[in-house]
Amino acid sequence: MGHTPMGRFGNAEELIGAAVFLASHAASSFVTGTDIRVDGGFLSQTI
């Protein structure tokens, strides 16, 4: 928890935005080969 800027575990509801984005043809039709990290900033603090 000390390495996560949000200071807590995420909730399932917080994945909805990424899921809707990926499911939306209008929003993500040109997106290829990327990682969408929904991790509360964990990766940015652990590099």
C-alpha atoms as a PDB file:
ATOM      1  CA  MET A   1       0.000   0.000   0.000  1.00  0.00           C
ATOM      2  CA  GLY A   2       2.896   2.333   0.647  1.00  0.00           C
ATOM      3  CA  HIS A   3       3.821   2.310  -3.046  1.00  0.00           C
ATOM      4  CA  THR A   4       0.327   3.150  -4.291  1.00  0.00           C
ATOM      5  CA  PRO A   5      -0.439   6.886  -4.457  1.00  0.00           C
ATOM      6  CA  MET A   6      -4.131   6.162  -3.902  1.00  0.00           C
ATOM      7  CA  GLY A   7      -3.234   4.363  -0.661  1.00  0.00           C
ATOM      8  CA  ARG A   8      -5.834   1.620  -1.070  1.00  0.00           C
ATOM      9  CA  PHE A   9      -6.901  -1.336  -3.153  1.00  0.00           C
ATOM     10  CA  GLY A  10      -9.128  -0.587  -6.105  1.00  0.00           C
ATOM     11  CA  ASN A  11     -12.785  -1.492  -6.355  1.00  0.00           C
ATOM     12  CA  ALA A  12     -14.342  -3.465  -9.194  1.00  0.00           C
ATOM     13  CA  GLU A  13     -16.479  -0.417 -10.049  1.00  0.00           C
ATOM     14  CA  GLU A  14     -13.310   1.523 -10.867  1.00  0.00           C
ATOM     15  CA  LEU A  15     -12.635  -0.750 -13.849  1.00  0.00           C
ATOM     16  CA  ILE A  16     -15.846   0.315 -15.555  1.00  0.00           C
ATOM     17  CA  GLY A  17     -14.325   3.331 -17.326  1.00  0.00           C
ATOM     18  CA  ALA A  18     -11.579   1.271 -18.964  1.00  0.00           C
ATOM     19  CA  ALA A  19     -14.029  -1.490 -19.896  1.00  0.00           C
ATOM     20  CA  VAL A  20     -16.498   0.964 -21.457  1.00  0.00           C
ATOM     21  CA  PHE A  21     -13.683   2.663 -23.376  1.00  0.00           C
ATOM     22  CA  LEU A  22     -12.448  -0.641 -24.813  1.00  0.00           C
ATOM     23  CA  ALA A  23     -15.968  -1.818 -25.615  1.00  0.00           C
ATOM     24  CA  SER A  24     -16.827   1.427 -27.409  1.00  0.00           C
ATOM     25  CA  HIS A  25     -16.089   1.202 -31.114  1.00  0.00           C
ATOM     26  CA  ALA A  26     -16.310   4.992 -31.423  1.00  0.00           C
ATOM     27  CA  ALA A  27     -13.812   5.613 -28.613  1.00  0.00           C
ATOM     28  CA  SER A  28     -11.275   2.836 -29.134  1.00  0.00           C
ATOM     29  CA  SER A  29     -11.488   1.745 -32.770  1.00  0.00           C
ATOM     30  CA  PHE A  30      -8.027   3.149 -33.588  1.00  0.00           C
ATOM     31  CA  VAL A  31      -6.303   1.920 -30.403  1.00  0.00           C
ATOM     32  CA  THR A  32      -3.825  -0.927 -30.914  1.00  0.00           C
ATOM     33  CA  GLY A  33      -1.038  -2.436 -28.862  1.00  0.00           C
ATOM     34  CA  THR A  34      -1.333  -0.518 -25.622  1.00  0.00           C
ATOM     35  CA  ASP A  35      -1.671  -1.284 -21.923  1.00  0.00           C
ATOM     36  CA  ILE A  36      -4.387   0.422 -19.957  1.00  0.00           C
ATOM     37  CA  ARG A  37      -3.319   0.232 -16.343  1.00  0.00           C
ATOM     38  CA  VAL A  38      -5.986   0.769 -13.747  1.00  0.00           C
ATOM     39  CA  ASP A  39      -3.679   0.474 -10.758  1.00  0.00           C
ATOM     40  CA  GLY A  40      -4.076   3.641  -8.704  1.00  0.00           C
ATOM     41  CA  GLY A  41      -0.630   4.841  -9.779  1.00  0.00           C
ATOM     42  CA  PHE A  42       1.193   1.777  -8.418  1.00  0.00           C
ATOM     43  CA  LEU A  43       3.419   1.344 -11.467  1.00  0.00           C
ATOM     44  CA  SER A  44       4.464   5.005 -11.515  1.00  0.00           C
ATOM     45  CA  GLN A  45       5.733   4.719  -7.940  1.00  0.00           C
ATOM     46  CA  THR A  46       7.580   1.402  -8.281  1.00  0.00           C
ATOM     47  CA  ILE A  47       9.824   2.046 -11.259  1.00  0.00           C
END
